PDB file of N, CA and C in Angstrom:
ATOM      1  N   MET A   1      37.574   2.101   8.906  1.00  0.00           N
ATOM      2  CA  MET A   1      36.362   1.647   8.232  1.00  0.00           C
ATOM      3  C   MET A   1      35.141   2.073   9.047  1.00  0.00           C
ATOM      4  N   LEU A   2      34.169   2.558   8.353  1.00  0.00           N
ATOM      5  CA  LEU A   2      32.940   3.013   8.980  1.00  0.00           C
ATOM      6  C   LEU A   2      32.055   1.817   9.306  1.00  0.00           C
ATOM      7  N   GLN A   3      31.588   1.768  10.543  1.00  0.00           N
ATOM      8  CA  GLN A   3      30.677   0.697  10.940  1.00  0.00           C
ATOM      9  C   GLN A   3      29.374   1.312  11.427  1.00  0.00           C
ATOM     10  N   ILE A   4      28.291   0.748  10.954  1.00  0.00           N
ATOM     11  CA  ILE A   4      26.970   1.211  11.386  1.00  0.00           C
ATOM     12  C   ILE A   4      26.340   0.112  12.219  1.00  0.00           C
ATOM     13  N   ARG A   5      25.967   0.484  13.418  1.00  0.00           N
ATOM     14  CA  ARG A   5      25.346  -0.491  14.304  1.00  0.00           C
ATOM     15  C   ARG A   5      23.904  -0.756  13.888  1.00  0.00           C
ATOM     16  N   LYS A   6      23.416  -1.895  14.335  1.00  0.00           N
ATOM     17  CA  LYS A   6      22.048  -2.308  14.035  1.00  0.00           C
ATOM     18  C   LYS A   6      21.043  -1.259  14.506  1.00  0.00           C
ATOM     19  N   GLU A   7      21.291  -0.681  15.662  1.00  0.00           N
ATOM     20  CA  GLU A   7      20.383   0.327  16.211  1.00  0.00           C
ATOM     21  C   GLU A   7      20.335   1.561  15.320  1.00  0.00           C
ATOM     22  N   GLN A   8      21.491   1.934  14.759  1.00  0.00           N
ATOM     23  CA  GLN A   8      21.541   3.084  13.872  1.00  0.00           C
ATOM     24  C   GLN A   8      20.751   2.806  12.591  1.00  0.00           C
ATOM     25  N   LEU A   9      20.872   1.606  12.075  1.00  0.00           N
ATOM     26  CA  LEU A   9      20.110   1.232  10.880  1.00  0.00           C
ATOM     27  C   LEU A   9      18.616   1.277  11.154  1.00  0.00           C
ATOM     28  N   GLN A  10      18.217   0.835  12.335  1.00  0.00           N
ATOM     29  CA  GLN A  10      16.796   0.860  12.691  1.00  0.00           C
ATOM     30  C   GLN A  10      16.267   2.288  12.751  1.00  0.00           C
ATOM     31  N   VAL A  11      17.087   3.215  13.236  1.00  0.00           N
ATOM     32  CA  VAL A  11      16.690   4.625  13.287  1.00  0.00           C
ATOM     33  C   VAL A  11      16.510   5.161  11.868  1.00  0.00           C
ATOM     34  N   PHE A  12      17.459   4.836  10.973  1.00  0.00           N
ATOM     35  CA  PHE A  12      17.345   5.275   9.582  1.00  0.00           C
ATOM     36  C   PHE A  12      16.096   4.700   8.919  1.00  0.00           C
ATOM     37  N   GLU A  13      15.807   3.449   9.172  1.00  0.00           N
ATOM     38  CA  GLU A  13      14.618   2.814   8.599  1.00  0.00           C
ATOM     39  C   GLU A  13      13.335   3.465   9.128  1.00  0.00           C
ATOM     40  N   ALA A  14      13.318   3.767  10.404  1.00  0.00           N
ATOM     41  CA  ALA A  14      12.140   4.414  11.003  1.00  0.00           C
ATOM     42  C   ALA A  14      11.924   5.804  10.400  1.00  0.00           C
ATOM     43  N   LEU A  15      13.003   6.538  10.204  1.00  0.00           N
ATOM     44  CA  LEU A  15      12.896   7.867   9.598  1.00  0.00           C
ATOM     45  C   LEU A  15      12.411   7.770   8.153  1.00  0.00           C
ATOM     46  N   LYS A  16      12.924   6.799   7.443  1.00  0.00           N
ATOM     47  CA  LYS A  16      12.513   6.592   6.054  1.00  0.00           C
ATOM     48  C   LYS A  16      11.022   6.237   5.988  1.00  0.00           C
ATOM     49  N   LYS A  17      10.580   5.390   6.888  1.00  0.00           N
ATOM     50  CA  LYS A  17       9.173   4.994   6.925  1.00  0.00           C
ATOM     51  C   LYS A  17       8.282   6.189   7.256  1.00  0.00           C
ATOM     52  N   THR A  18       8.687   6.991   8.228  1.00  0.00           N
ATOM     53  CA  THR A  18       7.922   8.181   8.605  1.00  0.00           C
ATOM     54  C   THR A  18       7.805   9.140   7.435  1.00  0.00           C
ATOM     55  N   LYS A  19       8.893   9.352   6.732  1.00  0.00           N
ATOM     56  CA  LYS A  19       8.885  10.241   5.563  1.00  0.00           C
ATOM     57  C   LYS A  19       7.962   9.691   4.476  1.00  0.00           C
ATOM     58  N   PHE A  20       7.998   8.389   4.259  1.00  0.00           N
ATOM     59  CA  PHE A  20       7.125   7.770   3.256  1.00  0.00           C
ATOM     60  C   PHE A  20       5.658   7.947   3.642  1.00  0.00           C
ATOM     61  N   ILE A  21       5.331   7.740   4.892  1.00  0.00           N
ATOM     62  CA  ILE A  21       3.948   7.907   5.359  1.00  0.00           C
ATOM     63  C   ILE A  21       3.487   9.341   5.131  1.00  0.00           C
ATOM     64  N   GLU A  22       4.334  10.311   5.460  1.00  0.00           N
ATOM     65  CA  GLU A  22       3.986  11.719   5.249  1.00  0.00           C
ATOM     66  C   GLU A  22       3.754  12.009   3.764  1.00  0.00           C
ATOM     67  N   THR A  23       4.616  11.472   2.916  1.00  0.00           N
ATOM     68  CA  THR A  23       4.475  11.660   1.470  1.00  0.00           C
ATOM     69  C   THR A  23       3.178  11.042   0.973  1.00  0.00           C
ATOM     70  N   MET A  24       2.859   9.852   1.453  1.00  0.00           N
ATOM     71  CA  MET A  24       1.634   9.179   1.024  1.00  0.00           C
ATOM     72  C   MET A  24       0.397   9.935   1.504  1.00  0.00           C
ATOM     73  N   GLU A  25       0.442  10.474   2.694  1.00  0.00           N
ATOM     74  CA  GLU A  25      -0.687  11.273   3.186  1.00  0.00           C
ATOM     75  C   GLU A  25      -0.968  12.416   2.217  1.00  0.00           C
ATOM     76  N   LYS A  26       0.080  13.114   1.806  1.00  0.00           N
ATOM     77  CA  LYS A  26      -0.078  14.233   0.876  1.00  0.00           C
ATOM     78  C   LYS A  26      -0.632  13.753  -0.466  1.00  0.00           C
ATOM     79  N   GLN A  27      -0.074  12.661  -0.987  1.00  0.00           N
ATOM     80  CA  GLN A  27      -0.507  12.150  -2.282  1.00  0.00           C
ATOM     81  C   GLN A  27      -1.967  11.691  -2.253  1.00  0.00           C
ATOM     82  N   LEU A  28      -2.344  11.020  -1.192  1.00  0.00           N
ATOM     83  CA  LEU A  28      -3.720  10.541  -1.081  1.00  0.00           C
ATOM     84  C   LEU A  28      -4.692  11.704  -0.929  1.00  0.00           C
ATOM     85  N   LYS A  29      -4.285  12.744  -0.213  1.00  0.00           N
ATOM     86  CA  LYS A  29      -5.142  13.927  -0.058  1.00  0.00           C
ATOM     87  C   LYS A  29      -5.364  14.612  -1.406  1.00  0.00           C
ATOM     88  N   ILE A  30      -4.337  14.622  -2.236  1.00  0.00           N
ATOM     89  CA  ILE A  30      -4.442  15.238  -3.565  1.00  0.00           C
ATOM     90  C   ILE A  30      -5.300  14.384  -4.498  1.00  0.00           C
ATOM     91  N   ASN A  31      -5.064  13.086  -4.506  1.00  0.00           N
ATOM     92  CA  ASN A  31      -5.698  12.198  -5.479  1.00  0.00           C
ATOM     93  C   ASN A  31      -7.062  11.657  -5.055  1.00  0.00           C
ATOM     94  N   PHE A  32      -7.331  11.651  -3.762  1.00  0.00           N
ATOM     95  CA  PHE A  32      -8.602  11.127  -3.258  1.00  0.00           C
ATOM     96  C   PHE A  32      -9.187  12.069  -2.195  1.00  0.00           C
ATOM     97  N   PRO A  33      -9.414  13.322  -2.557  1.00  0.00           N
ATOM     98  CA  PRO A  33      -9.832  14.301  -1.541  1.00  0.00           C
ATOM     99  C   PRO A  33     -11.145  13.957  -0.840  1.00  0.00           C
ATOM    100  N   GLN A  34     -12.094  13.367  -1.542  1.00  0.00           N
ATOM    101  CA  GLN A  34     -13.375  13.052  -0.906  1.00  0.00           C
ATOM    102  C   GLN A  34     -13.227  11.939   0.128  1.00  0.00           C
ATOM    103  N   LYS A  35     -12.455  10.919  -0.192  1.00  0.00           N
ATOM    104  CA  LYS A  35     -12.283   9.816   0.757  1.00  0.00           C
ATOM    105  C   LYS A  35     -11.382  10.209   1.923  1.00  0.00           C
ATOM    106  N   VAL A  36     -10.335  10.966   1.637  1.00  0.00           N
ATOM    107  CA  VAL A  36      -9.413  11.378   2.695  1.00  0.00           C
ATOM    108  C   VAL A  36     -10.062  12.433   3.587  1.00  0.00           C
ATOM    109  N   GLY A  37     -10.965  13.218   3.020  1.00  0.00           N
ATOM    110  CA  GLY A  37     -11.606  14.281   3.777  1.00  0.00           C
ATOM    111  C   GLY A  37     -12.401  13.807   4.977  1.00  0.00           C
ATOM    112  N   VAL A  38     -12.837  12.555   4.969  1.00  0.00           N
ATOM    113  CA  VAL A  38     -13.632  12.034   6.083  1.00  0.00           C
ATOM    114  C   VAL A  38     -12.770  11.310   7.125  1.00  0.00           C
ATOM    115  N   ILE A  39     -11.463  11.290   6.900  1.00  0.00           N
ATOM    116  CA  ILE A  39     -10.544  10.595   7.803  1.00  0.00           C
ATOM    117  C   ILE A  39      -9.652  11.628   8.489  1.00  0.00           C
ATOM    118  N   THR A  40      -9.442  11.478   9.772  1.00  0.00           N
ATOM    119  CA  THR A  40      -8.509  12.371  10.456  1.00  0.00           C
ATOM    120  C   THR A  40      -7.089  12.075   9.982  1.00  0.00           C
ATOM    121  N   SER A  41      -6.214  13.035  10.133  1.00  0.00           N
ATOM    122  CA  SER A  41      -4.814  12.864   9.729  1.00  0.00           C
ATOM    123  C   SER A  41      -4.171  11.701  10.486  1.00  0.00           C
ATOM    124  N   GLN A  42      -4.494  11.596  11.758  1.00  0.00           N
ATOM    125  CA  GLN A  42      -3.948  10.515  12.582  1.00  0.00           C
ATOM    126  C   GLN A  42      -4.451   9.158  12.091  1.00  0.00           C
ATOM    127  N   ALA A  43      -5.719   9.074  11.743  1.00  0.00           N
ATOM    128  CA  ALA A  43      -6.284   7.819  11.242  1.00  0.00           C
ATOM    129  C   ALA A  43      -5.681   7.452   9.885  1.00  0.00           C
ATOM    130  N   LEU A  44      -5.461   8.462   9.051  1.00  0.00           N
ATOM    131  CA  LEU A  44      -4.850   8.213   7.741  1.00  0.00           C
ATOM    132  C   LEU A  44      -3.431   7.681   7.904  1.00  0.00           C
ATOM    133  N   SER A  45      -2.683   8.285   8.787  1.00  0.00           N
ATOM    134  CA  SER A  45      -1.315   7.831   9.070  1.00  0.00           C
ATOM    135  C   SER A  45      -1.319   6.392   9.576  1.00  0.00           C
ATOM    136  N   LEU A  46      -2.240   6.088  10.466  1.00  0.00           N
ATOM    137  CA  LEU A  46      -2.367   4.738  11.003  1.00  0.00           C
ATOM    138  C   LEU A  46      -2.752   3.743   9.912  1.00  0.00           C
ATOM    139  N   LEU A  47      -3.661   4.136   9.038  1.00  0.00           N
ATOM    140  CA  LEU A  47      -4.078   3.271   7.930  1.00  0.00           C
ATOM    141  C   LEU A  47      -2.893   2.948   7.018  1.00  0.00           C
ATOM    142  N   ILE A  48      -2.105   3.950   6.699  1.00  0.00           N
ATOM    143  CA  ILE A  48      -0.933   3.745   5.837  1.00  0.00           C
ATOM    144  C   ILE A  48       0.069   2.828   6.525  1.00  0.00           C
ATOM    145  N   ASN A  49       0.351   3.101   7.789  1.00  0.00           N
ATOM    146  CA  ASN A  49       1.310   2.276   8.537  1.00  0.00           C
ATOM    147  C   ASN A  49       0.837   0.831   8.650  1.00  0.00           C
ATOM    148  N   THR A  50      -0.424   0.646   8.951  1.00  0.00           N
ATOM    149  CA  THR A  50      -0.991  -0.706   9.058  1.00  0.00           C
ATOM    150  C   THR A  50      -0.900  -1.437   7.718  1.00  0.00           C
ATOM    151  N   THR A  51      -1.150  -0.705   6.644  1.00  0.00           N
ATOM    152  CA  THR A  51      -1.063  -1.301   5.306  1.00  0.00           C
ATOM    153  C   THR A  51       0.368  -1.718   4.993  1.00  0.00           C
ATOM    154  N   ILE A  52       1.333  -0.905   5.351  1.00  0.00           N
ATOM    155  CA  ILE A  52       2.747  -1.243   5.142  1.00  0.00           C
ATOM    156  C   ILE A  52       3.080  -2.548   5.857  1.00  0.00           C
ATOM    157  N   ILE A  53       2.682  -2.657   7.101  1.00  0.00           N
ATOM    158  CA  ILE A  53       2.956  -3.854   7.905  1.00  0.00           C
ATOM    159  C   ILE A  53       2.264  -5.076   7.297  1.00  0.00           C
ATOM    160  N   LYS A  54       1.020  -4.893   6.883  1.00  0.00           N
ATOM    161  CA  LYS A  54       0.249  -5.984   6.292  1.00  0.00           C
ATOM    162  C   LYS A  54       0.903  -6.469   4.992  1.00  0.00           C
ATOM    163  N   LEU A  55       1.338  -5.523   4.166  1.00  0.00           N
ATOM    164  CA  LEU A  55       1.910  -5.892   2.869  1.00  0.00           C
ATOM    165  C   LEU A  55       3.254  -6.598   2.992  1.00  0.00           C
ATOM    166  N   GLU A  56       3.989  -6.312   4.060  1.00  0.00           N
ATOM    167  CA  GLU A  56       5.265  -7.004   4.285  1.00  0.00           C
ATOM    168  C   GLU A  56       5.065  -8.517   4.353  1.00  0.00           C
ATOM    169  N   LYS A  57       3.930  -8.937   4.885  1.00  0.00           N
ATOM    170  CA  LYS A  57       3.635 -10.368   4.992  1.00  0.00           C
ATOM    171  C   LYS A  57       3.449 -11.017   3.626  1.00  0.00           C
ATOM    172  N   PHE A  58       3.138 -10.189   2.623  1.00  0.00           N
ATOM    173  CA  PHE A  58       2.920 -10.699   1.262  1.00  0.00           C
ATOM    174  C   PHE A  58       4.082 -10.354   0.339  1.00  0.00           C
ATOM    175  N   ASN A  59       5.218  -9.986   0.932  1.00  0.00           N
ATOM    176  CA  ASN A  59       6.432  -9.672   0.191  1.00  0.00           C
ATOM    177  C   ASN A  59       6.269  -8.437  -0.703  1.00  0.00           C
ATOM    178  N   ILE A  60       5.409  -7.537  -0.314  1.00  0.00           N
ATOM    179  CA  ILE A  60       5.251  -6.269  -1.023  1.00  0.00           C
ATOM    180  C   ILE A  60       5.863  -5.209  -0.121  1.00  0.00           C
ATOM    181  N   VAL A  61       7.102  -4.824  -0.448  1.00  0.00           N
ATOM    182  CA  VAL A  61       7.861  -3.962   0.451  1.00  0.00           C
ATOM    183  C   VAL A  61       8.411  -2.701  -0.212  1.00  0.00           C
ATOM    184  N   ARG A  62       8.450  -2.668  -1.523  1.00  0.00           N
ATOM    185  CA  ARG A  62       8.971  -1.475  -2.193  1.00  0.00           C
ATOM    186  C   ARG A  62       7.959  -0.337  -2.053  1.00  0.00           C
ATOM    187  N   GLU A  63       8.467   0.858  -1.838  1.00  0.00           N
ATOM    188  CA  GLU A  63       7.590   2.014  -1.646  1.00  0.00           C
ATOM    189  C   GLU A  63       6.633   2.193  -2.818  1.00  0.00           C
ATOM    190  N   CYS A  64       7.127   2.029  -4.032  1.00  0.00           N
ATOM    191  CA  CYS A  64       6.263   2.225  -5.203  1.00  0.00           C
ATOM    192  C   CYS A  64       5.131   1.206  -5.223  1.00  0.00           C
ATOM    193  N   ASP A  65       5.392  -0.009  -4.757  1.00  0.00           N
ATOM    194  CA  ASP A  65       4.342  -1.035  -4.719  1.00  0.00           C
ATOM    195  C   ASP A  65       3.331  -0.761  -3.610  1.00  0.00           C
ATOM    196  N   VAL A  66       3.815  -0.298  -2.475  1.00  0.00           N
ATOM    197  CA  VAL A  66       2.903   0.067  -1.378  1.00  0.00           C
ATOM    198  C   VAL A  66       2.018   1.228  -1.826  1.00  0.00           C
ATOM    199  N   GLU A  67       2.608   2.182  -2.502  1.00  0.00           N
ATOM    200  CA  GLU A  67       1.835   3.319  -3.015  1.00  0.00           C
ATOM    201  C   GLU A  67       0.755   2.838  -3.980  1.00  0.00           C
ATOM    202  N   ARG A  68       1.089   1.941  -4.874  1.00  0.00           N
ATOM    203  CA  ARG A  68       0.119   1.414  -5.833  1.00  0.00           C
ATOM    204  C   ARG A  68      -1.006   0.666  -5.118  1.00  0.00           C
ATOM    205  N   TYR A  69      -0.655  -0.083  -4.105  1.00  0.00           N
ATOM    206  CA  TYR A  69      -1.671  -0.815  -3.341  1.00  0.00           C
ATOM    207  C   TYR A  69      -2.620   0.158  -2.631  1.00  0.00           C
ATOM    208  N   LEU A  70      -2.052   1.199  -2.038  1.00  0.00           N
ATOM    209  CA  LEU A  70      -2.886   2.202  -1.372  1.00  0.00           C
ATOM    210  C   LEU A  70      -3.843   2.848  -2.370  1.00  0.00           C
ATOM    211  N   TYR A  71      -3.381   3.103  -3.575  1.00  0.00           N
ATOM    212  CA  TYR A  71      -4.253   3.674  -4.603  1.00  0.00           C
ATOM    213  C   TYR A  71      -5.392   2.708  -4.928  1.00  0.00           C
ATOM    214  N   LEU A  72      -5.090   1.418  -4.976  1.00  0.00           N
ATOM    215  CA  LEU A  72      -6.160   0.433  -5.209  1.00  0.00           C
ATOM    216  C   LEU A  72      -7.164   0.468  -4.058  1.00  0.00           C
ATOM    217  N   MET A  73      -6.659   0.556  -2.837  1.00  0.00           N
ATOM    218  CA  MET A  73      -7.542   0.617  -1.666  1.00  0.00           C
ATOM    219  C   MET A  73      -8.471   1.815  -1.743  1.00  0.00           C
ATOM    220  N   PHE A  74      -7.923   2.962  -2.080  1.00  0.00           N
ATOM    221  CA  PHE A  74      -8.722   4.175  -2.118  1.00  0.00           C
ATOM    222  C   PHE A  74      -9.639   4.215  -3.335  1.00  0.00           C
ATOM    223  N   THR A  75      -9.321   3.447  -4.359  1.00  0.00           N
ATOM    224  CA  THR A  75     -10.174   3.373  -5.537  1.00  0.00           C
ATOM    225  C   THR A  75     -11.333   2.413  -5.320  1.00  0.00           C
ATOM    226  N   PHE A  76     -11.047   1.248  -4.720  1.00  0.00           N
ATOM    227  CA  PHE A  76     -12.060   0.208  -4.596  1.00  0.00           C
ATOM    228  C   PHE A  76     -12.649   0.096  -3.191  1.00  0.00           C
ATOM    229  N   SER A  77     -11.822  -0.216  -2.205  1.00  0.00           N
ATOM    230  CA  SER A  77     -12.325  -0.460  -0.852  1.00  0.00           C
ATOM    231  C   SER A  77     -11.175  -0.435   0.150  1.00  0.00           C
ATOM    232  N   PHE A  78     -11.421   0.149   1.319  1.00  0.00           N
ATOM    233  CA  PHE A  78     -10.403   0.126   2.362  1.00  0.00           C
ATOM    234  C   PHE A  78     -10.149  -1.299   2.855  1.00  0.00           C
ATOM    235  N   ASN A  79     -11.115  -2.181   2.667  1.00  0.00           N
ATOM    236  CA  ASN A  79     -10.985  -3.585   3.077  1.00  0.00           C
ATOM    237  C   ASN A  79     -10.749  -4.485   1.872  1.00  0.00           C
ATOM    238  N   ILE A  80      -9.992  -3.997   0.934  1.00  0.00           N
ATOM    239  CA  ILE A  80      -9.795  -4.712  -0.323  1.00  0.00           C
ATOM    240  C   ILE A  80      -9.172  -6.096  -0.119  1.00  0.00           C
ATOM    241  N   ASP A  81      -8.433  -6.261   0.945  1.00  0.00           N
ATOM    242  CA  ASP A  81      -7.773  -7.544   1.199  1.00  0.00           C
ATOM    243  C   ASP A  81      -8.682  -8.557   1.899  1.00  0.00           C
ATOM    244  N   SER A  82      -9.873  -8.118   2.323  1.00  0.00           N
ATOM    245  CA  SER A  82     -10.775  -9.052   3.001  1.00  0.00           C
ATOM    246  C   SER A  82     -12.200  -9.035   2.438  1.00  0.00           C
ATOM    247  N   ASP A  83     -12.534  -8.030   1.653  1.00  0.00           N
ATOM    248  CA  ASP A  83     -13.866  -7.908   1.061  1.00  0.00           C
ATOM    249  C   ASP A  83     -14.027  -8.969  -0.027  1.00  0.00           C
ATOM    250  N   PHE A  84     -15.065  -9.787   0.087  1.00  0.00           N
ATOM    251  CA  PHE A  84     -15.255 -10.905  -0.853  1.00  0.00           C
ATOM    252  C   PHE A  84     -15.404 -10.431  -2.296  1.00  0.00           C
ATOM    253  N   GLU A  85     -15.911  -9.230  -2.472  1.00  0.00           N
ATOM    254  CA  GLU A  85     -16.059  -8.674  -3.820  1.00  0.00           C
ATOM    255  C   GLU A  85     -14.710  -8.559  -4.537  1.00  0.00           C
ATOM    256  N   TYR A  86     -13.650  -8.461  -3.769  1.00  0.00           N
ATOM    257  CA  TYR A  86     -12.302  -8.319  -4.329  1.00  0.00           C
ATOM    258  C   TYR A  86     -11.454  -9.557  -4.054  1.00  0.00           C
ATOM    259  N   ARG A  87     -12.066 -10.688  -4.172  1.00  0.00           N
ATOM    260  CA  ARG A  87     -11.383 -11.969  -3.928  1.00  0.00           C
ATOM    261  C   ARG A  87     -10.133 -12.106  -4.805  1.00  0.00           C
ATOM    262  N   TRP A  88     -10.186 -11.528  -5.988  1.00  0.00           N
ATOM    263  CA  TRP A  88      -9.048 -11.592  -6.906  1.00  0.00           C
ATOM    264  C   TRP A  88      -7.808 -10.930  -6.300  1.00  0.00           C
ATOM    265  N   ILE A  89      -7.998  -9.885  -5.515  1.00  0.00           N
ATOM    266  CA  ILE A  89      -6.874  -9.245  -4.820  1.00  0.00           C
ATOM    267  C   ILE A  89      -6.302 -10.207  -3.782  1.00  0.00           C
ATOM    268  N   GLN A  90      -7.180 -10.823  -3.024  1.00  0.00           N
ATOM    269  CA  GLN A  90      -6.749 -11.756  -1.980  1.00  0.00           C
ATOM    270  C   GLN A  90      -5.969 -12.923  -2.583  1.00  0.00           C
ATOM    271  N   ASP A  91      -6.459 -13.443  -3.713  1.00  0.00           N
ATOM    272  CA  ASP A  91      -5.784 -14.571  -4.369  1.00  0.00           C
ATOM    273  C   ASP A  91      -4.372 -14.192  -4.817  1.00  0.00           C
ATOM    274  N   ILE A  92      -4.223 -12.989  -5.322  1.00  0.00           N
ATOM    275  CA  ILE A  92      -2.903 -12.526  -5.761  1.00  0.00           C
ATOM    276  C   ILE A  92      -1.994 -12.322  -4.556  1.00  0.00           C
ATOM    277  N   LEU A  93      -2.513 -11.707  -3.496  1.00  0.00           N
ATOM    278  CA  LEU A  93      -1.696 -11.442  -2.312  1.00  0.00           C
ATOM    279  C   LEU A  93      -1.081 -12.712  -1.729  1.00  0.00           C
ATOM    280  N   VAL A  94      -1.847 -13.773  -1.654  1.00  0.00           N
ATOM    281  CA  VAL A  94      -1.362 -14.991  -0.998  1.00  0.00           C
ATOM    282  C   VAL A  94      -0.536 -15.893  -1.914  1.00  0.00           C
ATOM    283  N   ASP A  95      -0.426 -15.542  -3.186  1.00  0.00           N
ATOM    284  CA  ASP A  95       0.361 -16.339  -4.126  1.00  0.00           C
ATOM    285  C   ASP A  95       1.839 -16.218  -3.771  1.00  0.00           C
ATOM    286  N   GLU A  96       2.437 -17.297  -3.295  1.00  0.00           N
ATOM    287  CA  GLU A  96       3.820 -17.272  -2.835  1.00  0.00           C
ATOM    288  C   GLU A  96       4.829 -17.372  -3.974  1.00  0.00           C
ATOM    289  N   VAL A  97       4.366 -17.647  -5.174  1.00  0.00           N
ATOM    290  CA  VAL A  97       5.261 -17.760  -6.321  1.00  0.00           C
ATOM    291  C   VAL A  97       5.594 -16.374  -6.887  1.00  0.00           C
ATOM    292  N   LEU A  98       4.641 -15.463  -6.823  1.00  0.00           N
ATOM    293  CA  LEU A  98       4.819 -14.136  -7.403  1.00  0.00           C
ATOM    294  C   LEU A  98       5.636 -13.217  -6.502  1.00  0.00           C
ATOM    295  N   SER A  99       6.468 -12.400  -7.123  1.00  0.00           N
ATOM    296  CA  SER A  99       7.203 -11.374  -6.373  1.00  0.00           C
ATOM    297  C   SER A  99       6.238 -10.240  -6.038  1.00  0.00           C
ATOM    298  N   GLY A 100       6.638  -9.374  -5.145  1.00  0.00           N
ATOM    299  CA  GLY A 100       5.807  -8.230  -4.794  1.00  0.00           C
ATOM    300  C   GLY A 100       5.507  -7.365  -6.006  1.00  0.00           C
ATOM    301  N   ASP A 101       6.522  -7.127  -6.832  1.00  0.00           N
ATOM    302  CA  ASP A 101       6.351  -6.324  -8.037  1.00  0.00           C
ATOM    303  C   ASP A 101       5.353  -6.963  -8.992  1.00  0.00           C
ATOM    304  N   LEU A 102       5.481  -8.255  -9.192  1.00  0.00           N
ATOM    305  CA  LEU A 102       4.577  -8.973 -10.094  1.00  0.00           C
ATOM    306  C   LEU A 102       3.146  -8.972  -9.554  1.00  0.00           C
ATOM    307  N   LYS A 103       3.003  -9.103  -8.247  1.00  0.00           N
ATOM    308  CA  LYS A 103       1.673  -9.056  -7.637  1.00  0.00           C
ATOM    309  C   LYS A 103       0.998  -7.722  -7.950  1.00  0.00           C
ATOM    310  N   MET A 104       1.755  -6.641  -7.803  1.00  0.00           N
ATOM    311  CA  MET A 104       1.178  -5.326  -8.047  1.00  0.00           C
ATOM    312  C   MET A 104       0.852  -5.125  -9.524  1.00  0.00           C
ATOM    313  N   LYS A 105       1.713  -5.590 -10.403  1.00  0.00           N
ATOM    314  CA  LYS A 105       1.435  -5.474 -11.841  1.00  0.00           C
ATOM    315  C   LYS A 105       0.162  -6.224 -12.203  1.00  0.00           C
ATOM    316  N   LEU A 106       0.025  -7.418 -11.672  1.00  0.00           N
ATOM    317  CA  LEU A 106      -1.157  -8.228 -11.950  1.00  0.00           C
ATOM    318  C   LEU A 106      -2.417  -7.574 -11.383  1.00  0.00           C
ATOM    319  N   MET A 107      -2.336  -7.068 -10.157  1.00  0.00           N
ATOM    320  CA  MET A 107      -3.488  -6.389  -9.553  1.00  0.00           C
ATOM    321  C   MET A 107      -3.914  -5.188 -10.398  1.00  0.00           C
ATOM    322  N   TYR A 108      -2.939  -4.423 -10.869  1.00  0.00           N
ATOM    323  CA  TYR A 108      -3.257  -3.248 -11.668  1.00  0.00           C
ATOM    324  C   TYR A 108      -3.854  -3.625 -13.019  1.00  0.00           C
ATOM    325  N   GLN A 109      -3.363  -4.681 -13.629  1.00  0.00           N
ATOM    326  CA  GLN A 109      -3.935  -5.127 -14.910  1.00  0.00           C
ATOM    327  C   GLN A 109      -5.396  -5.523 -14.737  1.00  0.00           C
ATOM    328  N   ILE A 110      -5.673  -6.300 -13.718  1.00  0.00           N
ATOM    329  CA  ILE A 110      -7.053  -6.747 -13.476  1.00  0.00           C
ATOM    330  C   ILE A 110      -7.934  -5.558 -13.086  1.00  0.00           C
ATOM    331  N   ALA A 111      -7.413  -4.669 -12.258  1.00  0.00           N
ATOM    332  CA  ALA A 111      -8.186  -3.483 -11.854  1.00  0.00           C
ATOM    333  C   ALA A 111      -8.531  -2.633 -13.072  1.00  0.00           C
ATOM    334  N   GLU A 112      -7.585  -2.464 -13.956  1.00  0.00           N
ATOM    335  CA  GLU A 112      -7.840  -1.682 -15.176  1.00  0.00           C
ATOM    336  C   GLU A 112      -8.923  -2.332 -16.029  1.00  0.00           C
ATOM    337  N   GLN A 113      -8.876  -3.655 -16.131  1.00  0.00           N
ATOM    338  CA  GLN A 113      -9.911  -4.374 -16.885  1.00  0.00           C
ATOM    339  C   GLN A 113     -11.288  -4.158 -16.246  1.00  0.00           C
ATOM    340  N   LYS A 114     -11.336  -4.272 -14.942  1.00  0.00           N
ATOM    341  CA  LYS A 114     -12.606  -4.119 -14.233  1.00  0.00           C
ATOM    342  C   LYS A 114     -13.158  -2.701 -14.387  1.00  0.00           C
ATOM    343  N   ILE A 115     -12.292  -1.714 -14.321  1.00  0.00           N
ATOM    344  CA  ILE A 115     -12.730  -0.333 -14.507  1.00  0.00           C
ATOM    345  C   ILE A 115     -13.237  -0.125 -15.929  1.00  0.00           C
ATOM    346  N   ASN A 116     -12.523  -0.674 -16.909  1.00  0.00           N
ATOM    347  CA  ASN A 116     -12.961  -0.546 -18.313  1.00  0.00           C
ATOM    348  C   ASN A 116     -14.270  -1.287 -18.558  1.00  0.00           C
ATOM    349  N   ASP A 117     -14.448  -2.429 -17.928  1.00  0.00           N
ATOM    350  CA  ASP A 117     -15.706  -3.183 -18.068  1.00  0.00           C
ATOM    351  C   ASP A 117     -16.880  -2.423 -17.466  1.00  0.00           C
ATOM    352  N   TYR A 118     -16.597  -1.663 -16.420  1.00  0.00           N
ATOM    353  CA  TYR A 118     -17.631  -0.911 -15.715  1.00  0.00           C
ATOM    354  C   TYR A 118     -18.136   0.271 -16.553  1.00  0.00           C
ATOM    355  N   LYS A 119     -17.235   0.817 -17.375  1.00  0.00           N
ATOM    356  CA  LYS A 119     -17.586   2.018 -18.173  1.00  0.00           C
ATOM    357  C   LYS A 119     -18.633   1.750 -19.180  1.00  0.00           C
TER     358      LYS A 119
END
């Protein structure tokens, strides 16, 4: 029987995280060239990693949800989780009843409404 040690799993997780960060850097550069253009590659990587760690505290751990959150950040504000203008994001993040997926769906619904109201 094949046994994988805890240390081996940690290495796989670290590699997976690194690959995700690299993928997100590319996606953000494509979708938000003006905002990414003013950030160094190292700073962008750090921002993504910090966001991943921050979102874990709110039970948002799936890559697709982290990606969606990053898109909200780059659309509205890098400080979306602390900027008072986006209090609705903060309220959703701290809601312990909602799953990570539901939090992201709700954030996107409200964001879409706000964008449509702005037009």
